[in-house]
Amino acid sequence: MRTFIFALAAIVPALAIGRAGAADKLPAFDIAKNCREEVAGGINSGASCSKDETDAKNELAKRWSEFSAADKKACVGESAIGGEESYVELLTCLEMSGGGHFSTPQQ
């Protein structure tokens, strides 16, 4: 019994650290699957969708560290609602949450 308690004491913090670290990595969404679903729904063309998603993924990869862990966690969950995972939606959510740094055009 004592061995079980010690093992459990070691496992629980490791799981918590793993989950916390997950927000620090850009999620791996299946762009092709998402775009197939959008094309089937008549929302977008395949080429346009793939370009938009790839551009958003690249932008997120550059700026990922600018966003707070709380915003990342909330927006990753929101961008995967309904089973469709979208980098465009993730980037939009993070920008709207006030995270990151934006440059405004000079007038």
Protein backbone atom coordinates (compact mmCIF):
# COMPACT_ATOMS: atom_id res chain seq x y z
CA MET A 1 0.00 0.00 0.00
CA ARG A 2 2.80 2.38 0.87
CA THR A 3 4.42 1.75 -2.52
CA PHE A 4 1.15 2.61 -4.25
CA ILE A 5 0.92 5.92 -2.39
CA PHE A 6 4.49 6.86 -3.30
CA ALA A 7 3.90 5.94 -6.93
CA LEU A 8 0.71 7.98 -7.01
CA ALA A 9 2.50 10.93 -5.43
CA ALA A 10 5.02 10.85 -8.28
CA ILE A 11 2.50 10.39 -11.10
CA VAL A 12 -0.03 13.11 -10.24
CA PRO A 13 2.44 16.05 -10.42
CA ALA A 14 3.89 14.64 -13.66
CA LEU A 15 0.44 14.66 -15.25
CA ALA A 16 -0.20 18.21 -14.11
CA ILE A 17 3.11 19.39 -15.56
CA GLY A 18 2.33 17.65 -18.86
CA ARG A 19 -1.02 19.40 -19.17
CA ALA A 20 0.45 22.78 -18.28
CA GLY A 21 3.18 22.33 -20.86
CA ALA A 22 0.66 21.50 -23.57
CA ALA A 23 -0.47 25.13 -23.71
CA ASP A 24 3.13 26.11 -24.50
CA LYS A 25 3.11 24.22 -27.80
CA LEU A 26 1.26 25.16 -30.95
CA PRO A 27 -1.41 22.48 -31.42
CA ALA A 28 -1.16 20.12 -34.37
CA PHE A 29 -4.37 20.54 -36.35
CA ASP A 30 -5.14 18.49 -39.46
CA ILE A 31 -5.39 21.21 -42.13
CA ALA A 32 -6.40 18.79 -44.90
CA LYS A 33 -9.25 17.33 -42.83
CA ASN A 34 -10.53 20.76 -41.82
CA CYS A 35 -10.43 22.00 -45.41
CA ARG A 36 -12.20 18.87 -46.73
CA GLU A 37 -15.02 19.59 -44.27
CA GLU A 38 -15.19 23.25 -45.30
CA VAL A 39 -15.25 22.38 -49.01
CA ALA A 40 -17.97 19.77 -48.40
CA GLY A 41 -19.97 22.42 -46.53
CA GLY A 42 -19.54 24.89 -49.39
CA ILE A 43 -17.74 27.34 -47.11
CA ASN A 44 -14.45 27.64 -48.98
CA SER A 45 -12.45 26.24 -51.88
CA GLY A 46 -9.80 23.67 -51.02
CA ALA A 47 -6.84 25.71 -52.24
CA SER A 48 -8.02 28.88 -50.54
CA CYS A 49 -8.70 27.06 -47.29
CA SER A 50 -5.30 25.35 -47.26
CA LYS A 51 -3.52 28.64 -47.92
CA ASP A 52 -5.48 30.48 -45.21
CA GLU A 53 -4.86 27.72 -42.65
CA THR A 54 -1.15 27.42 -43.51
CA ASP A 55 -0.68 31.20 -43.34
CA ALA A 56 -2.43 31.31 -39.96
CA LYS A 57 -0.33 28.39 -38.65
CA ASN A 58 2.89 30.13 -39.74
CA GLU A 59 1.79 33.39 -38.09
CA LEU A 60 0.91 31.53 -34.89
CA ALA A 61 4.29 29.77 -34.89
CA LYS A 62 6.03 33.18 -35.03
CA ARG A 63 3.85 34.80 -32.36
CA TRP A 64 2.94 31.88 -30.05
CA SER A 65 5.08 33.14 -27.15
CA GLU A 66 3.27 36.51 -27.19
CA PHE A 67 -0.01 35.00 -25.95
CA SER A 68 -0.81 34.13 -22.35
CA ALA A 69 -1.21 30.50 -21.30
CA ALA A 70 -4.81 31.18 -20.24
CA ASP A 71 -5.70 32.70 -23.63
CA LYS A 72 -3.99 29.82 -25.46
CA LYS A 73 -5.90 27.23 -23.46
CA ALA A 74 -9.26 28.95 -23.96
CA CYS A 75 -8.74 29.63 -27.65
CA VAL A 76 -7.40 26.16 -28.48
CA GLY A 77 -10.58 24.72 -26.96
CA GLU A 78 -12.76 27.22 -28.78
CA SER A 79 -11.04 26.69 -32.13
CA ALA A 80 -11.77 22.95 -31.95
CA ILE A 81 -15.50 23.18 -31.17
CA GLY A 82 -17.54 20.81 -33.28
CA GLY A 83 -14.52 18.70 -34.21
CA GLU A 84 -13.18 21.18 -36.76
CA GLU A 85 -9.76 22.44 -35.78
CA SER A 86 -8.81 25.72 -37.41
CA TYR A 87 -5.63 27.76 -37.16
CA VAL A 88 -7.51 30.73 -38.62
CA GLU A 89 -10.06 30.55 -35.79
CA LEU A 90 -7.29 30.05 -33.22
CA LEU A 91 -5.36 33.09 -34.43
CA THR A 92 -8.53 35.19 -34.54
CA CYS A 93 -9.49 34.15 -31.02
CA LEU A 94 -6.03 34.96 -29.64
CA GLU A 95 -5.95 38.34 -31.35
CA MET A 96 -9.43 39.20 -30.09
CA SER A 97 -8.52 38.13 -26.55
CA GLY A 98 -6.11 41.04 -26.46
CA GLY A 99 -3.01 38.90 -26.56
CA GLY A 100 0.03 39.57 -28.64
CA HIS A 101 1.39 42.81 -29.97
CA PHE A 102 -0.18 44.61 -32.87
CA SER A 103 1.15 47.39 -34.99
CA THR A 104 -1.35 50.01 -36.04
CA PRO A 105 -1.11 51.87 -39.32
CA GLN A 106 0.28 55.39 -39.05
CA GLN A 107 -1.98 58.17 -40.35
